[in-house]
Amino acid sequence: MSGYFKNIKDALWTVLVGMGITWKHMFMRKVTFQYPNVKRPVPERARCRLYVRIDDCIGCEQCAKACPVHCIEIETVKALPNEDLGTTSTGTKKRLWVTRFDIDFAKCCFCGLCVFPCPTACIRMTGVFEFSEYRRSDLMYRFSSMTHDQARMKKEALEAYQRDQEAKKTAAAVETQKKTVQAEAADLANPSHDATT
């Protein structure tokens, strides 16, 4: 029977504590933020959206290798010898066209591991932490400034250049072999007679 009255006492005490907290908050200053009109300041170490300054990207793929969830996809095309891509803001000479630099924020865990290995500091965390979308496909951010057609043209130009270089190497090898055969034929036709007596 004592357990019955103890349960009633505990129930009443729980109700009084809950009502006390409610009563206390009725007279307290309101702390509700009118989001999105009013926003809290972003802390210094926050998990926020990534931004890529594509003009400084050298296509080294260090960020993609460091990403634990593989949400960064990079494709590059080697520049032709007569093309000058310029330098980055840190003075690094660019040698590759970055034809694709995509980050899938649906996969991103916002760990920031991709920021630290970048040699040109072109990828960084911003202060923007809210970027919800209605469609999942809208969470794929494309940072490359090249269109698909431009990227295809760069790949085709590189392939044509490589074919031309291979043809030149083959022609040079054939020419060298031809000269070697001619020299050997000349040696056979005119043998030197160094007779010693």
Protein backbone atom coordinates (compact mmCIF):
# COMPACT_ATOMS: atom_id res chain seq x y z
CA MET A 1 0.00 0.00 0.00
CA SER A 2 2.93 2.35 0.66
CA GLY A 3 4.05 1.95 -2.98
CA TYR A 4 0.63 3.18 -4.12
CA PHE A 5 0.87 6.45 -2.16
CA LYS A 6 4.52 6.89 -3.17
CA ASN A 7 3.53 6.69 -6.84
CA ILE A 8 0.80 9.33 -6.28
CA LYS A 9 3.30 11.60 -4.48
CA ASP A 10 5.88 11.16 -7.31
CA ALA A 11 3.24 11.91 -9.94
CA LEU A 12 2.10 15.09 -8.17
CA TRP A 13 5.70 16.20 -7.62
CA THR A 14 6.49 15.67 -11.35
CA VAL A 15 3.43 17.73 -12.34
CA LEU A 16 4.42 20.54 -9.94
CA VAL A 17 8.00 20.63 -11.24
CA GLY A 18 6.79 20.73 -14.86
CA MET A 19 4.25 23.47 -14.09
CA GLY A 20 6.91 25.42 -12.19
CA ILE A 21 9.20 25.41 -15.22
CA THR A 22 6.30 26.43 -17.47
CA TRP A 23 5.27 29.24 -15.08
CA LYS A 24 8.86 30.51 -14.87
CA HIS A 25 9.21 30.64 -18.69
CA MET A 26 5.95 32.57 -19.02
CA PHE A 27 7.65 35.64 -17.53
CA MET A 28 11.11 35.24 -19.09
CA ARG A 29 12.36 37.25 -22.05
CA LYS A 30 11.72 35.47 -25.35
CA VAL A 31 14.81 34.02 -27.06
CA THR A 32 13.23 32.71 -30.24
CA PHE A 33 14.98 33.81 -33.41
CA GLN A 34 12.77 34.84 -36.30
CA TYR A 35 14.58 32.60 -38.77
CA PRO A 36 15.44 33.22 -41.64
CA ASN A 37 15.15 36.97 -41.06
CA VAL A 38 17.34 36.80 -37.95
CA LYS A 39 20.32 34.45 -37.92
CA ARG A 40 22.84 33.54 -35.30
CA PRO A 41 26.48 34.35 -36.03
CA VAL A 42 28.39 31.41 -37.48
CA PRO A 43 31.03 30.03 -35.11
CA GLU A 44 34.66 30.07 -36.19
CA ARG A 45 34.86 26.30 -36.74
CA ALA A 46 31.56 25.50 -38.41
CA ARG A 47 30.64 22.89 -40.96
CA CYS A 48 29.71 25.03 -43.92
CA ARG A 49 29.49 25.00 -47.68
CA LEU A 50 32.68 24.59 -49.71
CA TYR A 51 33.75 27.12 -52.31
CA VAL A 52 36.32 26.58 -55.07
CA ARG A 53 38.18 29.47 -56.69
CA ILE A 54 38.57 27.61 -60.00
CA ASP A 55 41.10 30.09 -61.43
CA ASP A 56 43.57 28.96 -58.75
CA CYS A 57 42.96 25.23 -59.19
CA ILE A 58 45.91 23.35 -60.72
CA GLY A 59 44.05 20.03 -61.00
CA CYS A 60 46.28 18.15 -58.56
CA GLU A 61 43.28 16.22 -57.14
CA GLN A 62 44.66 16.35 -53.57
CA CYS A 63 41.24 17.42 -52.26
CA ALA A 64 39.49 14.51 -54.01
CA LYS A 65 42.04 12.05 -52.59
CA ALA A 66 41.56 13.43 -49.05
CA CYS A 67 37.75 13.27 -49.20
CA PRO A 68 36.52 10.35 -47.05
CA VAL A 69 33.16 10.07 -48.85
CA HIS A 70 34.42 10.67 -52.43
CA CYS A 71 32.05 13.53 -53.14
CA ILE A 72 34.60 15.51 -55.22
CA GLU A 73 35.03 14.61 -58.89
CA ILE A 74 37.82 16.24 -60.92
CA GLU A 75 38.75 15.74 -64.56
CA THR A 76 41.74 17.40 -66.20
CA VAL A 77 43.27 17.68 -69.66
CA LYS A 78 46.95 18.37 -70.16
CA ALA A 79 47.66 21.70 -71.83
CA LEU A 80 49.41 21.74 -75.18
CA PRO A 81 52.99 23.07 -75.21
CA ASN A 82 51.94 26.23 -77.06
CA GLU A 83 49.17 27.05 -74.53
CA ASP A 84 49.86 29.36 -71.61
CA LEU A 85 47.36 28.84 -68.80
CA GLY A 86 48.94 31.48 -66.60
CA THR A 87 49.65 31.20 -62.90
CA THR A 88 47.59 30.95 -59.74
CA SER A 89 47.39 33.69 -57.11
CA THR A 90 50.17 31.88 -55.18
CA GLY A 91 52.46 31.91 -58.24
CA THR A 92 52.10 28.25 -59.19
CA LYS A 93 52.22 27.67 -62.96
CA LYS A 94 49.14 25.93 -64.32
CA ARG A 95 49.74 22.94 -66.61
CA LEU A 96 46.29 21.32 -66.73
CA TRP A 97 42.87 22.42 -67.90
CA VAL A 98 40.34 21.62 -65.17
CA THR A 99 37.47 20.45 -67.34
CA ARG A 100 35.35 19.18 -64.45
CA PHE A 101 35.25 20.07 -60.75
CA ASP A 102 32.03 18.84 -59.13
CA ILE A 103 31.14 18.58 -55.45
CA ASP A 104 28.08 16.54 -54.48
CA PHE A 105 26.81 18.14 -51.28
CA ALA A 106 24.30 15.34 -50.86
CA LYS A 107 27.29 13.12 -50.01
CA CYS A 108 29.54 15.72 -48.33
CA CYS A 109 30.00 15.27 -44.57
CA PHE A 110 31.46 18.80 -44.16
CA CYS A 111 34.59 17.52 -42.44
CA GLY A 112 36.88 20.07 -44.10
CA LEU A 113 39.59 17.49 -44.86
CA CYS A 114 39.71 18.64 -48.48
CA VAL A 115 40.72 22.18 -47.52
CA PHE A 116 44.06 21.44 -45.87
CA PRO A 117 45.98 19.52 -48.58
CA CYS A 118 45.25 22.05 -51.36
CA PRO A 119 48.62 23.55 -52.41
CA THR A 120 47.07 26.70 -53.90
CA ALA A 121 44.38 27.20 -51.21
CA CYS A 122 41.66 27.38 -53.86
CA ILE A 123 39.11 25.32 -51.89
CA ARG A 124 37.79 26.65 -48.61
CA MET A 125 34.86 26.54 -46.21
CA THR A 126 32.56 29.53 -46.44
CA GLY A 127 30.27 30.97 -43.77
CA VAL A 128 27.16 29.66 -45.54
CA PHE A 129 25.67 26.72 -43.66
CA GLU A 130 22.18 26.60 -45.16
CA PHE A 131 21.59 25.41 -48.69
CA SER A 132 18.64 23.03 -48.65
CA GLU A 133 17.12 22.18 -52.01
CA TYR A 134 13.87 20.64 -53.19
CA ARG A 135 15.66 18.31 -55.62
CA ARG A 136 18.66 16.18 -54.79
CA SER A 137 20.25 16.94 -58.16
CA ASP A 138 20.47 20.62 -57.19
CA LEU A 139 23.01 19.70 -54.51
CA MET A 140 25.59 18.93 -57.21
CA TYR A 141 27.74 22.06 -57.51
CA ARG A 142 29.78 22.47 -60.69
CA PHE A 143 32.73 24.83 -60.28
CA SER A 144 34.50 24.35 -63.63
CA SER A 145 34.17 27.31 -65.94
CA MET A 146 34.37 25.10 -69.05
CA THR A 147 31.31 23.82 -70.84
CA HIS A 148 31.04 20.19 -71.96
CA ASP A 149 31.76 21.22 -75.56
CA GLN A 150 34.88 23.16 -74.58
CA ALA A 151 36.14 20.22 -72.51
CA ARG A 152 35.51 17.84 -75.43
CA MET A 153 37.41 20.17 -77.78
CA LYS A 154 40.39 20.30 -75.39
CA LYS A 155 40.45 16.49 -75.15
CA GLU A 156 40.26 16.13 -78.93
CA ALA A 157 43.05 18.70 -79.45
CA LEU A 158 45.28 16.84 -76.96
CA GLU A 159 44.56 13.49 -78.64
CA ALA A 160 45.37 14.97 -82.09
CA TYR A 161 48.61 16.43 -80.72
CA GLN A 162 49.57 13.08 -79.17
CA ARG A 163 48.81 11.25 -82.45
CA ASP A 164 50.94 13.79 -84.34
CA GLN A 165 53.81 13.34 -81.87
CA GLU A 166 53.56 9.54 -82.17
CA ALA A 167 53.63 9.82 -85.98
CA LYS A 168 56.72 12.04 -85.79
CA LYS A 169 58.46 9.59 -83.42
CA THR A 170 57.60 6.68 -85.70
CA ALA A 171 58.86 8.58 -88.78
CA ALA A 172 62.08 9.50 -86.96
CA ALA A 173 62.60 5.87 -85.88
CA VAL A 174 61.99 4.65 -89.46
CA GLU A 175 64.40 7.28 -90.80
CA THR A 176 67.06 6.28 -88.26
CA GLN A 177 66.62 2.60 -89.12
CA LYS A 178 66.79 3.43 -92.84
CA LYS A 179 70.06 5.31 -92.36
CA THR A 180 71.47 2.45 -90.30
CA VAL A 181 70.56 -0.07 -93.03
CA GLN A 182 72.09 2.19 -95.70
CA ALA A 183 75.28 2.57 -93.68
CA GLU A 184 75.52 -1.20 -93.20
CA ALA A 185 74.90 -1.76 -96.94
CA ALA A 186 77.62 0.77 -97.78
CA ASP A 187 80.03 -0.99 -95.43
CA LEU A 188 79.30 -4.32 -97.11
CA ALA A 189 79.68 -2.86 -100.62
CA ASN A 190 83.02 -1.19 -99.87
CA PRO A 191 84.87 -3.38 -97.42
CA SER A 192 88.05 -1.85 -96.14
CA HIS A 193 91.16 -3.94 -96.90
CA ASP A 194 93.66 -3.31 -94.19
CA ALA A 195 96.09 -5.98 -95.13
CA THR A 196 99.01 -6.25 -92.85
CA THR A 197 102.15 -7.80 -94.13
